[in-house]
Amino acid sequence: MAGKADKVAAVIRVGGATAKQAAAKAYDLSSDPLIQAKARKLAENGAKFYRAANSPEARRAYRQAADFFSKTRKK
């Protein structure tokens, strides 16, 4: 029984060390100014795409396409 407990403790220790290394790497990446600029640019692009997809023109085009598809299926 003691052997299993030691193995379990070792696995937990190794897992904790791995998690700590991953967190340190993520922190280093997130504090890098180039990565921050890239993330900011991606967020801005995402906001532009979201606004474009939810614009009244996009909704109108979606409705027109849906009507067209439903009419062609009925024929």
Protein backbone atom coordinates (compact mmCIF):
# COMPACT_ATOMS: atom_id res chain seq x y z
CA MET A 1 0.00 0.00 0.00
CA ALA A 2 2.84 2.37 0.82
CA GLY A 3 4.30 1.83 -2.65
CA LYS A 4 1.08 2.94 -4.32
CA ALA A 5 0.84 6.02 -2.12
CA ASP A 6 4.40 6.99 -3.05
CA LYS A 7 3.64 6.55 -6.74
CA VAL A 8 0.52 8.66 -6.45
CA ALA A 9 2.43 11.39 -4.60
CA ALA A 10 5.12 11.36 -7.29
CA VAL A 11 2.53 11.68 -10.05
CA ILE A 12 0.90 14.59 -8.25
CA ARG A 13 4.30 16.27 -7.78
CA VAL A 14 5.18 15.86 -11.46
CA GLY A 15 1.75 17.11 -12.53
CA GLY A 16 2.07 20.15 -10.30
CA ALA A 17 5.50 20.95 -11.71
CA THR A 18 4.21 20.60 -15.26
CA ALA A 19 1.26 22.89 -14.52
CA LYS A 20 3.61 25.42 -12.94
CA GLN A 21 5.88 25.39 -16.01
CA ALA A 22 2.90 25.81 -18.34
CA ALA A 23 1.59 28.74 -16.29
CA ALA A 24 5.01 30.40 -16.32
CA LYS A 25 5.26 30.00 -20.10
CA ALA A 26 1.75 31.41 -20.59
CA TYR A 27 2.63 34.38 -18.37
CA ASP A 28 5.84 35.03 -20.32
CA LEU A 29 3.95 34.92 -23.61
CA SER A 30 1.18 37.18 -22.35
CA SER A 31 3.63 39.79 -21.08
CA ASP A 32 5.42 39.97 -24.45
CA PRO A 33 4.51 43.26 -26.23
CA LEU A 34 4.46 41.62 -29.68
CA ILE A 35 1.99 38.98 -28.52
CA GLN A 36 -0.16 41.67 -26.89
CA ALA A 37 -0.23 43.70 -30.10
CA LYS A 38 -1.13 40.62 -32.13
CA ALA A 39 -3.94 39.72 -29.70
CA ARG A 40 -5.24 43.30 -29.79
CA LYS A 41 -5.28 43.27 -33.60
CA LEU A 42 -7.10 39.92 -33.67
CA ALA A 43 -9.68 41.24 -31.20
CA GLU A 44 -10.24 44.35 -33.33
CA ASN A 45 -10.65 42.22 -36.47
CA GLY A 46 -13.09 39.96 -34.62
CA ALA A 47 -15.14 42.98 -33.58
CA LYS A 48 -15.22 44.21 -37.20
CA PHE A 49 -16.38 40.81 -38.45
CA TYR A 50 -19.02 40.61 -35.74
CA ARG A 51 -20.38 44.05 -36.61
CA ALA A 52 -20.39 43.17 -40.32
CA ALA A 53 -22.18 39.87 -39.72
CA ASN A 54 -24.83 41.49 -37.51
CA SER A 55 -25.40 44.56 -39.64
CA PRO A 56 -28.87 45.22 -41.10
CA GLU A 57 -27.49 44.61 -44.60
CA ALA A 58 -26.15 41.19 -43.61
CA ARG A 59 -29.44 40.26 -41.97
CA ARG A 60 -31.34 41.34 -45.07
CA ALA A 61 -29.04 39.29 -47.31
CA TYR A 62 -29.45 36.27 -45.04
CA ARG A 63 -33.23 36.57 -45.16
CA GLN A 64 -33.18 36.88 -48.94
CA ALA A 65 -30.96 33.81 -49.26
CA ALA A 66 -33.16 31.85 -46.86
CA ASP A 67 -36.27 32.81 -48.83
CA PHE A 68 -34.58 31.82 -52.08
CA PHE A 69 -33.55 28.42 -50.70
CA SER A 70 -36.97 27.74 -49.25
CA LYS A 71 -38.64 28.65 -52.58
CA THR A 72 -36.27 26.45 -54.61
CA ARG A 73 -36.84 23.50 -52.26
CA LYS A 74 -40.61 23.79 -52.66
CA LYS A 75 -40.40 23.60 -56.46
